[in-house]
C-alpha cells in the first residue's frame, strides 16, 4: 500500500505525531485534513504547513464527530484514510481523590474517540477500494506504565479493539493498521511526567513518522518502532520483569540523579 495521492484525515493533528505525519504525507502528494480542539493551534498548524486543511473537532464528543463527518464527507468525498491519533496522557495518582468523570477523561478521548470515529466514518471508507484506518495505541498497550494508569488502560483497549476490527473487516476494502509509538519527543511525552522522565530521551518525532510510513507501505498490521517492539516481545517472554522496570521508571527522581 502506497501512501501517495490519498485523502487523509488525522485527529489530534495540530501538534506532535499528528502534525509531523501531516507534514510528511503532504510532502508525498497526499491531501491531508487534521482536527483538534484548539482553534489557535489549528490555525498555527495551517500557517506552518502549506496545503494543510483543518477542522475544529473534539473526539470525546459524539455530536462533534457527527458534525465533522457531515463537513468532511461533503468537502472531501474521496476520503480513503483515517488516522485516529488524538489522545491525552495524564499522571494519575490513584490514591488521590478525583471527580469520576475527570478520572476517566482519557477513556473518552483515547478509546471512545477512536471507536466513535471509526463507527462514524466506516460507511464512507467501506466504499473506497484500498482504504485505510490507522489506530494509534502505544508501547504501553503491551506493558503498562503505573504513573499513567488510565492512559495505559485506554491504549491496551485500543490494541484489543483494533485486532477485533481487523478480524471483522477481513475481506473488505479497508485495511487496519495499529501504530504503537514508543516514548516520543512531543509535548505529550514531556508534559506531566517531567520528574519521571528526567534523563530519558524519546524517539524523534520525524523518525517515528518515517517508521510509520515505511511500516504501512510494507504491509505491517502493527507498526512498533524502537522500544515499543521490545515491550511487545517482553510482554510475552518476561512480563513481570518488564513491568517492574516500568514501576521503577514511574518513580519520580531526585534532582541529584
C-alpha atoms as a PDB file:
ATOM      1  CA  UNK A   1       0.000   0.000   0.000  1.00  0.00           C
ATOM      2  CA  UNK A   2       1.493   3.325  -1.102  1.00  0.00           C
ATOM      3  CA  UNK A   3       0.783   6.458   0.897  1.00  0.00           C
ATOM      4  CA  UNK A   4       0.755   8.685  -2.156  1.00  0.00           C
ATOM      5  CA  UNK A   5      -2.176  10.561  -3.696  1.00  0.00           C
ATOM      6  CA  UNK A   6      -4.536   9.740  -0.845  1.00  0.00           C
ATOM      7  CA  UNK A   7      -7.023  11.840   1.124  1.00  0.00           C
ATOM      8  CA  UNK A   8      -6.147  11.539   4.793  1.00  0.00           C
ATOM      9  CA  UNK A   9      -7.956  12.642   7.965  1.00  0.00           C
ATOM     10  CA  UNK A  10      -5.796  12.820  11.121  1.00  0.00           C
ATOM     11  CA  UNK A  11      -7.371  13.506  14.513  1.00  0.00           C
ATOM     12  CA  UNK A  12      -5.274  15.415  17.020  1.00  0.00           C
ATOM     13  CA  UNK A  13      -3.132  16.813  14.235  1.00  0.00           C
ATOM     14  CA  UNK A  14      -2.294  20.312  15.457  1.00  0.00           C
ATOM     15  CA  UNK A  15       0.972  19.210  17.094  1.00  0.00           C
ATOM     16  CA  UNK A  16       3.206  16.244  17.869  1.00  0.00           C
ATOM     17  CA  UNK A  17       2.914  12.988  15.949  1.00  0.00           C
ATOM     18  CA  UNK A  18      -0.236  14.048  14.102  1.00  0.00           C
ATOM     19  CA  UNK A  19       1.253  17.250  12.735  1.00  0.00           C
ATOM     20  CA  UNK A  20       4.524  15.588  11.711  1.00  0.00           C
ATOM     21  CA  UNK A  21       2.588  12.844   9.952  1.00  0.00           C
ATOM     22  CA  UNK A  22       0.584  15.515   8.130  1.00  0.00           C
ATOM     23  CA  UNK A  23       3.798  17.259   7.008  1.00  0.00           C
ATOM     24  CA  UNK A  24       5.363  14.092   5.655  1.00  0.00           C
ATOM     25  CA  UNK A  25       2.178  12.943   3.936  1.00  0.00           C
ATOM     26  CA  UNK A  26       1.661  16.320   2.249  1.00  0.00           C
ATOM     27  CA  UNK A  27       5.254  16.092   1.001  1.00  0.00           C
ATOM     28  CA  UNK A  28       4.244  12.780  -0.611  1.00  0.00           C
ATOM     29  CA  UNK A  29       1.405  14.393  -2.592  1.00  0.00           C
ATOM     30  CA  UNK A  30      -1.443  13.470  -0.254  1.00  0.00           C
ATOM     31  CA  UNK A  31      -4.363  15.716   0.645  1.00  0.00           C
ATOM     32  CA  UNK A  32      -4.391  15.961   4.449  1.00  0.00           C
ATOM     33  CA  UNK A  33      -7.021  17.179   6.914  1.00  0.00           C
ATOM     34  CA  UNK A  34      -6.261  17.480  10.628  1.00  0.00           C
ATOM     35  CA  UNK A  35      -8.580  18.043  13.548  1.00  0.00           C
ATOM     36  CA  UNK A  36      -8.083  19.439  17.024  1.00  0.00           C
ATOM     37  CA  UNK A  37      -9.942  21.143  19.839  1.00  0.00           C
ATOM     38  CA  UNK A  38      -7.880  24.336  19.957  1.00  0.00           C
ATOM     39  CA  UNK A  39      -8.669  26.813  17.185  1.00  0.00           C
ATOM     40  CA  UNK A  40      -5.473  28.821  17.653  1.00  0.00           C
ATOM     41  CA  UNK A  41      -3.259  25.746  17.444  1.00  0.00           C
ATOM     42  CA  UNK A  42      -5.075  24.595  14.328  1.00  0.00           C
ATOM     43  CA  UNK A  43      -4.544  27.968  12.704  1.00  0.00           C
ATOM     44  CA  UNK A  44      -0.855  27.918  13.647  1.00  0.00           C
ATOM     45  CA  UNK A  45      -0.539  24.452  12.101  1.00  0.00           C
ATOM     46  CA  UNK A  46      -2.286  25.595   8.929  1.00  0.00           C
ATOM     47  CA  UNK A  47       0.069  28.558   8.638  1.00  0.00           C
ATOM     48  CA  UNK A  48       3.127  26.364   9.254  1.00  0.00           C
ATOM     49  CA  UNK A  49       2.204  23.622   6.770  1.00  0.00           C
ATOM     50  CA  UNK A  50       1.163  24.844   3.315  1.00  0.00           C
ATOM     51  CA  UNK A  51      -1.729  22.870   1.901  1.00  0.00           C
ATOM     52  CA  UNK A  52      -2.963  21.601   5.259  1.00  0.00           C
ATOM     53  CA  UNK A  53      -6.731  21.555   5.828  1.00  0.00           C
ATOM     54  CA  UNK A  54      -8.097  21.937   9.362  1.00  0.00           C
ATOM     55  CA  UNK A  55     -11.356  21.341  11.207  1.00  0.00           C
ATOM     56  CA  UNK A  56     -12.065  22.150  14.839  1.00  0.00           C
ATOM     57  CA  UNK A  57     -13.448  18.988  16.406  1.00  0.00           C
ATOM     58  CA  UNK A  58     -13.419  17.060  19.699  1.00  0.00           C
ATOM     59  CA  UNK A  59     -13.243  13.252  19.503  1.00  0.00           C
ATOM     60  CA  UNK A  60     -14.563  12.934  23.065  1.00  0.00           C
ATOM     61  CA  UNK A  61     -17.881  14.461  21.946  1.00  0.00           C
ATOM     62  CA  UNK A  62     -20.119  12.302  19.706  1.00  0.00           C
ATOM     63  CA  UNK A  63     -22.017  15.352  18.447  1.00  0.00           C
ATOM     64  CA  UNK A  64     -18.761  16.970  17.370  1.00  0.00           C
ATOM     65  CA  UNK A  65     -17.786  13.803  15.497  1.00  0.00           C
ATOM     66  CA  UNK A  66     -21.120  13.719  13.692  1.00  0.00           C
ATOM     67  CA  UNK A  67     -20.683  17.346  12.624  1.00  0.00           C
ATOM     68  CA  UNK A  68     -17.140  16.611  11.458  1.00  0.00           C
ATOM     69  CA  UNK A  69     -18.409  13.733   9.329  1.00  0.00           C
ATOM     70  CA  UNK A  70     -21.003  15.938   7.693  1.00  0.00           C
ATOM     71  CA  UNK A  71     -18.376  18.532   6.781  1.00  0.00           C
ATOM     72  CA  UNK A  72     -15.665  16.123   5.651  1.00  0.00           C
ATOM     73  CA  UNK A  73     -17.944  13.871   3.618  1.00  0.00           C
ATOM     74  CA  UNK A  74     -19.118  16.912   1.632  1.00  0.00           C
ATOM     75  CA  UNK A  75     -15.776  18.693   1.261  1.00  0.00           C
ATOM     76  CA  UNK A  76     -13.629  15.561   0.861  1.00  0.00           C
ATOM     77  CA  UNK A  77     -15.845  12.803  -0.587  1.00  0.00           C
ATOM     78  CA  UNK A  78     -12.767  10.848  -1.739  1.00  0.00           C
ATOM     79  CA  UNK A  79     -11.520  10.353   1.832  1.00  0.00           C
ATOM     80  CA  UNK A  80      -9.770   6.980   1.977  1.00  0.00           C
ATOM     81  CA  UNK A  81      -7.557   7.155   5.081  1.00  0.00           C
ATOM     82  CA  UNK A  82      -8.441   7.770   8.728  1.00  0.00           C
ATOM     83  CA  UNK A  83      -5.733   8.134  11.380  1.00  0.00           C
ATOM     84  CA  UNK A  84      -7.071   8.061  14.938  1.00  0.00           C
ATOM     85  CA  UNK A  85      -4.257   9.904  16.664  1.00  0.00           C
ATOM     86  CA  UNK A  86      -5.984  12.250  19.133  1.00  0.00           C
ATOM     87  CA  UNK A  87      -5.317  11.497  22.762  1.00  0.00           C
ATOM     88  CA  UNK A  88      -4.161  12.678  26.156  1.00  0.00           C
ATOM     89  CA  UNK A  89      -1.792  11.206  28.744  1.00  0.00           C
ATOM     90  CA  UNK A  90      -2.041  12.197  32.396  1.00  0.00           C
ATOM     91  CA  UNK A  91      -0.089  11.455  35.550  1.00  0.00           C
ATOM     92  CA  UNK A  92      -2.750   9.942  37.810  1.00  0.00           C
ATOM     93  CA  UNK A  93      -2.238   9.091  41.487  1.00  0.00           C
ATOM     94  CA  UNK A  94      -4.920   6.525  42.207  1.00  0.00           C
ATOM     95  CA  UNK A  95      -4.797   7.071  45.968  1.00  0.00           C
ATOM     96  CA  UNK A  96      -5.937  10.671  45.489  1.00  0.00           C
ATOM     97  CA  UNK A  97      -9.489  11.933  45.050  1.00  0.00           C
ATOM     98  CA  UNK A  98     -10.859  12.732  41.577  1.00  0.00           C
ATOM     99  CA  UNK A  99     -14.241  13.552  40.170  1.00  0.00           C
ATOM    100  CA  UNK A 100     -15.261  10.313  38.478  1.00  0.00           C
ATOM    101  CA  UNK A 101     -15.817  11.878  35.048  1.00  0.00           C
ATOM    102  CA  UNK A 102     -12.433  13.583  35.236  1.00  0.00           C
ATOM    103  CA  UNK A 103     -10.670  10.400  36.315  1.00  0.00           C
ATOM    104  CA  UNK A 104     -11.765   8.592  33.151  1.00  0.00           C
ATOM    105  CA  UNK A 105     -11.406  11.514  30.733  1.00  0.00           C
ATOM    106  CA  UNK A 106      -8.649   9.658  28.841  1.00  0.00           C
ATOM    107  CA  UNK A 107     -11.069   6.807  28.159  1.00  0.00           C
ATOM    108  CA  UNK A 108     -13.429   9.210  26.388  1.00  0.00           C
ATOM    109  CA  UNK A 109     -10.713  10.876  24.326  1.00  0.00           C
ATOM    110  CA  UNK A 110      -8.344   7.999  23.623  1.00  0.00           C
ATOM    111  CA  UNK A 111     -10.585   4.945  23.457  1.00  0.00           C
ATOM    112  CA  UNK A 112     -14.154   6.085  22.918  1.00  0.00           C
ATOM    113  CA  UNK A 113     -12.996   8.733  20.455  1.00  0.00           C
ATOM    114  CA  UNK A 114     -11.238   6.108  18.355  1.00  0.00           C
ATOM    115  CA  UNK A 115     -14.245   3.790  18.375  1.00  0.00           C
ATOM    116  CA  UNK A 116     -16.689   6.617  17.635  1.00  0.00           C
ATOM    117  CA  UNK A 117     -14.583   7.957  14.756  1.00  0.00           C
ATOM    118  CA  UNK A 118     -14.307   4.521  13.156  1.00  0.00           C
ATOM    119  CA  UNK A 119     -18.016   3.816  13.532  1.00  0.00           C
ATOM    120  CA  UNK A 120     -18.933   7.184  12.020  1.00  0.00           C
ATOM    121  CA  UNK A 121     -16.537   7.173   9.064  1.00  0.00           C
ATOM    122  CA  UNK A 122     -16.568   3.442   8.284  1.00  0.00           C
ATOM    123  CA  UNK A 123     -19.550   3.537   5.879  1.00  0.00           C
ATOM    124  CA  UNK A 124     -17.650   6.036   3.732  1.00  0.00           C
ATOM    125  CA  UNK A 125     -14.392   4.057   3.858  1.00  0.00           C
ATOM    126  CA  UNK A 126     -16.082   0.746   3.066  1.00  0.00           C
ATOM    127  CA  UNK A 127     -16.981   2.143  -0.360  1.00  0.00           C
ATOM    128  CA  UNK A 128     -13.393   3.137  -1.213  1.00  0.00           C
ATOM    129  CA  UNK A 129     -11.047   0.480  -2.587  1.00  0.00           C
ATOM    130  CA  UNK A 130      -7.706   0.468  -0.825  1.00  0.00           C
ATOM    131  CA  UNK A 131      -8.958   2.480   2.141  1.00  0.00           C
ATOM    132  CA  UNK A 132      -7.052   2.504   5.414  1.00  0.00           C
ATOM    133  CA  UNK A 133      -7.653   3.025   9.130  1.00  0.00           C
ATOM    134  CA  UNK A 134      -4.680   3.637  11.427  1.00  0.00           C
ATOM    135  CA  UNK A 135      -5.374   3.455  15.153  1.00  0.00           C
ATOM    136  CA  UNK A 136      -2.634   4.920  17.332  1.00  0.00           C
ATOM    137  CA  UNK A 137      -2.105   2.954  20.520  1.00  0.00           C
ATOM    138  CA  UNK A 138       1.229   2.924  22.394  1.00  0.00           C
ATOM    139  CA  UNK A 139       4.032   0.667  23.532  1.00  0.00           C
ATOM    140  CA  UNK A 140       2.218   0.941  26.869  1.00  0.00           C
ATOM    141  CA  UNK A 141      -0.579  -1.134  25.356  1.00  0.00           C
ATOM    142  CA  UNK A 142       1.724  -4.125  25.908  1.00  0.00           C
ATOM    143  CA  UNK A 143       3.317  -3.216  29.255  1.00  0.00           C
ATOM    144  CA  UNK A 144       1.530  -0.538  31.313  1.00  0.00           C
ATOM    145  CA  UNK A 145       3.207   2.472  32.912  1.00  0.00           C
ATOM    146  CA  UNK A 146       1.904   2.768  36.512  1.00  0.00           C
ATOM    147  CA  UNK A 147       2.293   6.561  36.542  1.00  0.00           C
ATOM    148  CA  UNK A 148      -0.235   6.734  33.679  1.00  0.00           C
ATOM    149  CA  UNK A 149      -2.775   4.042  34.599  1.00  0.00           C
ATOM    150  CA  UNK A 150      -5.825   5.321  32.727  1.00  0.00           C
ATOM    151  CA  UNK A 151      -3.798   6.129  29.618  1.00  0.00           C
ATOM    152  CA  UNK A 152      -2.199   2.663  29.686  1.00  0.00           C
ATOM    153  CA  UNK A 153      -5.610   1.032  30.076  1.00  0.00           C
ATOM    154  CA  UNK A 154      -7.055   3.056  27.186  1.00  0.00           C
ATOM    155  CA  UNK A 155      -4.198   2.074  24.879  1.00  0.00           C
ATOM    156  CA  UNK A 156      -4.409  -1.603  25.816  1.00  0.00           C
ATOM    157  CA  UNK A 157      -8.099  -1.422  24.954  1.00  0.00           C
ATOM    158  CA  UNK A 158      -7.328   0.232  21.601  1.00  0.00           C
ATOM    159  CA  UNK A 159      -4.942  -2.640  20.851  1.00  0.00           C
ATOM    160  CA  UNK A 160      -7.688  -5.196  21.568  1.00  0.00           C
ATOM    161  CA  UNK A 161     -10.336  -3.237  19.676  1.00  0.00           C
ATOM    162  CA  UNK A 162      -8.077  -2.830  16.633  1.00  0.00           C
ATOM    163  CA  UNK A 163      -7.426  -6.572  16.453  1.00  0.00           C
ATOM    164  CA  UNK A 164     -11.170  -7.230  16.562  1.00  0.00           C
ATOM    165  CA  UNK A 165     -11.867  -4.550  13.954  1.00  0.00           C
ATOM    166  CA  UNK A 166      -9.271  -6.076  11.635  1.00  0.00           C
ATOM    167  CA  UNK A 167     -10.806  -9.534  12.034  1.00  0.00           C
ATOM    168  CA  UNK A 168     -14.338  -8.299  11.359  1.00  0.00           C
ATOM    169  CA  UNK A 169     -13.328  -6.287   8.280  1.00  0.00           C
ATOM    170  CA  UNK A 170     -11.187  -9.018   6.738  1.00  0.00           C
ATOM    171  CA  UNK A 171     -12.071  -9.283   3.069  1.00  0.00           C
ATOM    172  CA  UNK A 172     -13.426  -5.724   2.851  1.00  0.00           C
ATOM    173  CA  UNK A 173     -11.853  -2.716   1.119  1.00  0.00           C
ATOM    174  CA  UNK A 174     -10.495  -1.428   4.458  1.00  0.00           C
ATOM    175  CA  UNK A 175      -7.038  -2.277   5.810  1.00  0.00           C
ATOM    176  CA  UNK A 176      -6.492  -1.861   9.546  1.00  0.00           C
ATOM    177  CA  UNK A 177      -3.104  -0.839  10.963  1.00  0.00           C
ATOM    178  CA  UNK A 178      -2.119  -0.249  14.576  1.00  0.00           C
ATOM    179  CA  UNK A 179       0.668   2.227  15.267  1.00  0.00           C
ATOM    180  CA  UNK A 180       2.190   1.722  18.721  1.00  0.00           C
ATOM    181  CA  UNK A 181       4.663   4.569  19.273  1.00  0.00           C
ATOM    182  CA  UNK A 182       7.389   4.350  21.896  1.00  0.00           C
ATOM    183  CA  UNK A 183       8.122   7.373  24.077  1.00  0.00           C
ATOM    184  CA  UNK A 184       8.406  10.169  21.513  1.00  0.00           C
ATOM    185  CA  UNK A 185       9.726  13.710  21.890  1.00  0.00           C
ATOM    186  CA  UNK A 186       6.393  15.526  21.844  1.00  0.00           C
ATOM    187  CA  UNK A 187       4.569  17.818  24.317  1.00  0.00           C
ATOM    188  CA  UNK A 188       2.584  14.748  25.441  1.00  0.00           C
ATOM    189  CA  UNK A 189       5.777  12.954  26.489  1.00  0.00           C
ATOM    190  CA  UNK A 190       7.226  15.855  28.446  1.00  0.00           C
ATOM    191  CA  UNK A 191       4.008  17.331  29.852  1.00  0.00           C
ATOM    192  CA  UNK A 192       3.029  15.877  33.231  1.00  0.00           C
ATOM    193  CA  UNK A 193       5.932  13.444  33.504  1.00  0.00           C
ATOM    194  CA  UNK A 194       8.885  15.819  33.813  1.00  0.00           C
ATOM    195  CA  UNK A 195      10.073  14.250  37.073  1.00  0.00           C
ATOM    196  CA  UNK A 196       9.677  10.661  35.913  1.00  0.00           C
ATOM    197  CA  UNK A 197      11.310  11.300  32.548  1.00  0.00           C
ATOM    198  CA  UNK A 198      14.477  13.011  33.784  1.00  0.00           C
ATOM    199  CA  UNK A 199      17.361  11.583  31.782  1.00  0.00           C
ATOM    200  CA  UNK A 200      15.047   9.659  29.440  1.00  0.00           C
ATOM    201  CA  UNK A 201      15.080  10.514  25.758  1.00  0.00           C
ATOM    202  CA  UNK A 202      12.212   9.773  23.442  1.00  0.00           C
ATOM    203  CA  UNK A 203      12.324   8.933  19.741  1.00  0.00           C
ATOM    204  CA  UNK A 204      12.481  11.939  17.431  1.00  0.00           C
ATOM    205  CA  UNK A 205       9.002  12.501  16.030  1.00  0.00           C
ATOM    206  CA  UNK A 206      10.217  12.722  12.431  1.00  0.00           C
ATOM    207  CA  UNK A 207      11.947   9.358  12.807  1.00  0.00           C
ATOM    208  CA  UNK A 208       8.792   7.828  14.262  1.00  0.00           C
ATOM    209  CA  UNK A 209       6.715   9.047  11.339  1.00  0.00           C
ATOM    210  CA  UNK A 210       9.227   7.689   8.822  1.00  0.00           C
ATOM    211  CA  UNK A 211       8.998   4.285  10.537  1.00  0.00           C
ATOM    212  CA  UNK A 212       5.225   4.584  10.396  1.00  0.00           C
ATOM    213  CA  UNK A 213       5.039   5.307   6.687  1.00  0.00           C
ATOM    214  CA  UNK A 214       7.586   2.597   5.874  1.00  0.00           C
ATOM    215  CA  UNK A 215       5.715   0.073   8.007  1.00  0.00           C
ATOM    216  CA  UNK A 216       2.360   0.792   6.397  1.00  0.00           C
ATOM    217  CA  UNK A 217       3.807   0.679   2.894  1.00  0.00           C
ATOM    218  CA  UNK A 218       5.476  -2.689   3.553  1.00  0.00           C
ATOM    219  CA  UNK A 219       2.181  -4.162   4.753  1.00  0.00           C
ATOM    220  CA  UNK A 220       2.681  -4.350   8.513  1.00  0.00           C
ATOM    221  CA  UNK A 221      -0.505  -4.714  10.533  1.00  0.00           C
ATOM    222  CA  UNK A 222       1.266  -3.480  13.676  1.00  0.00           C
ATOM    223  CA  UNK A 223       3.942  -0.805  13.450  1.00  0.00           C
ATOM    224  CA  UNK A 224       6.024  -0.950  16.646  1.00  0.00           C
ATOM    225  CA  UNK A 225       9.134   1.231  16.317  1.00  0.00           C
ATOM    226  CA  UNK A 226      12.027   1.047  18.757  1.00  0.00           C
ATOM    227  CA  UNK A 227      11.175   0.334  22.383  1.00  0.00           C
ATOM    228  CA  UNK A 228       7.554  -0.494  21.512  1.00  0.00           C
ATOM    229  CA  UNK A 229       8.726  -3.672  19.798  1.00  0.00           C
ATOM    230  CA  UNK A 230      10.810  -4.530  22.850  1.00  0.00           C
ATOM    231  CA  UNK A 231       7.768  -4.053  25.080  1.00  0.00           C
ATOM    232  CA  UNK A 232       5.618  -6.272  22.853  1.00  0.00           C
ATOM    233  CA  UNK A 233       8.185  -9.087  22.956  1.00  0.00           C
ATOM    234  CA  UNK A 234       8.864  -8.653  26.681  1.00  0.00           C
ATOM    235  CA  UNK A 235       5.139  -8.771  27.433  1.00  0.00           C
ATOM    236  CA  UNK A 236       5.240 -12.352  26.209  1.00  0.00           C
ATOM    237  CA  UNK A 237       8.612 -13.677  27.401  1.00  0.00           C
ATOM    238  CA  UNK A 238       9.263 -11.692  30.606  1.00  0.00           C
ATOM    239  CA  UNK A 239       6.107  -9.776  31.560  1.00  0.00           C
ATOM    240  CA  UNK A 240       6.810  -9.397  35.288  1.00  0.00           C
ATOM    241  CA  UNK A 241      10.398  -8.290  34.791  1.00  0.00           C
ATOM    242  CA  UNK A 242       9.429  -5.609  32.277  1.00  0.00           C
ATOM    243  CA  UNK A 243       6.549  -4.384  34.402  1.00  0.00           C
ATOM    244  CA  UNK A 244       8.894  -3.984  37.378  1.00  0.00           C
ATOM    245  CA  UNK A 245      11.135  -1.852  35.169  1.00  0.00           C
ATOM    246  CA  UNK A 246       8.163   0.343  34.313  1.00  0.00           C
ATOM    247  CA  UNK A 247       7.321   0.637  38.013  1.00  0.00           C
ATOM    248  CA  UNK A 248      10.858   1.887  38.676  1.00  0.00           C
ATOM    249  CA  UNK A 249      10.655   4.334  35.783  1.00  0.00           C
ATOM    250  CA  UNK A 250       7.434   5.755  37.184  1.00  0.00           C
ATOM    251  CA  UNK A 251       9.028   6.795  40.452  1.00  0.00           C
ATOM    252  CA  UNK A 252       9.982  10.493  40.466  1.00  0.00           C
ATOM    253  CA  UNK A 253      13.743  11.014  40.550  1.00  0.00           C
ATOM    254  CA  UNK A 254      15.577  13.427  42.786  1.00  0.00           C
ATOM    255  CA  UNK A 255      17.345  16.382  41.207  1.00  0.00           C
ATOM    256  CA  UNK A 256      20.647  14.804  42.138  1.00  0.00           C
ATOM    257  CA  UNK A 257      20.081  11.767  39.924  1.00  0.00           C
END
